[in-house]
Amino acid sequence: MSLISIISKDFDVPENLSENQLREVMVDAFAYLIDNDFPKLIQILYKADVDQYKLKELLETVEGSSSAEVIADAYIVRQKAKIETWKKYSQKKD
């Protein structure tokens, strides 16, 4: 399972994006959600299992990045961690 295929469950993203392009799309999407649909933002972060305490700490301490950038980065890191976990456990079945 790819990063884009996981993210496309929550967002409409093209499949041929580089990781940097994907991050830009995610930053824009989270900026929109922050301003226009905060309940949906919370729902997406909850569904993705982004650690709320870690995210709160990052939002309070990371300088030079917007809230949307911090949230997008945390979301992407969490989705990558899911992929690694799935790979780890799917290899054990073989």
Protein backbone atom coordinates (compact mmCIF):
# COMPACT_ATOMS: atom_id res chain seq x y z
CA MET A 1 0.00 0.00 0.00
CA SER A 2 1.38 3.40 -0.96
CA LEU A 3 1.29 6.67 0.93
CA ILE A 4 -0.92 8.28 -1.71
CA SER A 5 -3.38 5.38 -1.67
CA ILE A 6 -3.80 5.76 2.09
CA ILE A 7 -4.15 9.54 1.94
CA SER A 8 -6.62 9.29 -0.94
CA LYS A 9 -9.06 7.66 1.49
CA ASP A 10 -9.40 11.06 3.19
CA PHE A 11 -8.45 13.47 0.40
CA ASP A 12 -8.81 13.69 -3.37
CA VAL A 13 -5.15 13.61 -4.47
CA PRO A 14 -3.62 12.75 -7.84
CA GLU A 15 -1.70 9.48 -7.86
CA ASN A 16 1.42 10.76 -9.60
CA LEU A 17 2.60 13.31 -7.02
CA SER A 18 6.11 13.43 -5.64
CA GLU A 19 6.38 13.45 -1.86
CA ASN A 20 7.10 17.21 -1.88
CA GLN A 21 4.08 17.86 -4.08
CA LEU A 22 1.95 15.67 -1.83
CA ARG A 23 3.08 17.69 1.19
CA GLU A 24 2.12 20.94 -0.56
CA VAL A 25 -1.33 19.54 -1.39
CA MET A 26 -1.76 18.38 2.20
CA VAL A 27 -0.69 21.75 3.63
CA ASP A 28 -3.27 23.48 1.42
CA ALA A 29 -5.95 20.95 2.41
CA PHE A 30 -5.26 21.32 6.12
CA ALA A 31 -5.16 25.13 5.83
CA TYR A 32 -8.61 24.97 4.24
CA LEU A 33 -9.92 22.66 6.96
CA ILE A 34 -8.51 24.85 9.74
CA ASP A 35 -10.33 27.87 8.33
CA ASN A 36 -13.51 26.29 6.99
CA ASP A 37 -14.27 22.85 8.44
CA PHE A 38 -12.58 22.33 11.79
CA PRO A 39 -14.83 19.37 12.76
CA LYS A 40 -13.75 17.53 9.60
CA LEU A 41 -10.10 18.29 10.42
CA ILE A 42 -10.52 16.72 13.85
CA GLN A 43 -12.31 13.72 12.33
CA ILE A 44 -9.51 13.12 9.80
CA LEU A 45 -6.78 13.40 12.43
CA TYR A 46 -8.69 11.05 14.75
CA LYS A 47 -9.28 8.53 11.96
CA ALA A 48 -5.59 8.67 11.01
CA ASP A 49 -4.67 8.14 14.68
CA VAL A 50 -2.46 11.23 14.86
CA ASP A 51 -1.37 11.58 18.49
CA GLN A 52 -3.25 14.63 19.79
CA TYR A 53 -0.76 15.33 22.59
CA LYS A 54 2.24 15.16 20.30
CA LEU A 55 0.46 17.34 17.75
CA LYS A 56 -0.43 19.91 20.42
CA GLU A 57 3.20 20.00 21.53
CA LEU A 58 4.40 20.42 17.94
CA LEU A 59 1.93 23.23 17.31
CA GLU A 60 3.16 25.03 20.42
CA THR A 61 6.90 24.55 19.83
CA VAL A 62 7.65 24.41 16.10
CA GLU A 63 8.70 27.81 14.83
CA GLY A 64 8.80 28.98 11.24
CA SER A 65 5.96 26.72 10.09
CA SER A 66 2.25 27.37 9.82
CA SER A 67 -0.25 25.26 11.73
CA ALA A 68 -1.25 23.66 8.43
CA GLU A 69 2.37 22.67 7.75
CA VAL A 70 2.80 21.15 11.21
CA ILE A 71 -0.48 19.23 10.91
CA ALA A 72 0.31 18.03 7.39
CA ASP A 73 3.74 16.81 8.47
CA ALA A 74 2.32 14.99 11.50
CA TYR A 75 -0.40 13.41 9.35
CA ILE A 76 2.09 12.24 6.71
CA VAL A 77 4.49 10.86 9.34
CA ARG A 78 1.62 8.89 10.91
CA GLN A 79 0.52 7.48 7.57
CA LYS A 80 4.11 6.43 6.80
CA ALA A 81 4.31 4.71 10.19
CA LYS A 82 1.14 2.76 9.35
CA ILE A 83 2.70 1.58 6.10
CA GLU A 84 5.83 0.40 7.91
CA THR A 85 3.71 -1.47 10.46
CA TRP A 86 1.68 -3.14 7.72
CA LYS A 87 4.87 -4.13 5.89
CA LYS A 88 6.38 -5.53 9.07
CA TYR A 89 3.38 -7.70 9.88
CA SER A 90 2.64 -8.76 6.31
CA GLN A 91 6.22 -10.08 6.00
CA LYS A 92 5.73 -12.23 9.10
CA LYS A 93 2.83 -14.04 7.40
CA ASP A 94 5.04 -15.19 4.52
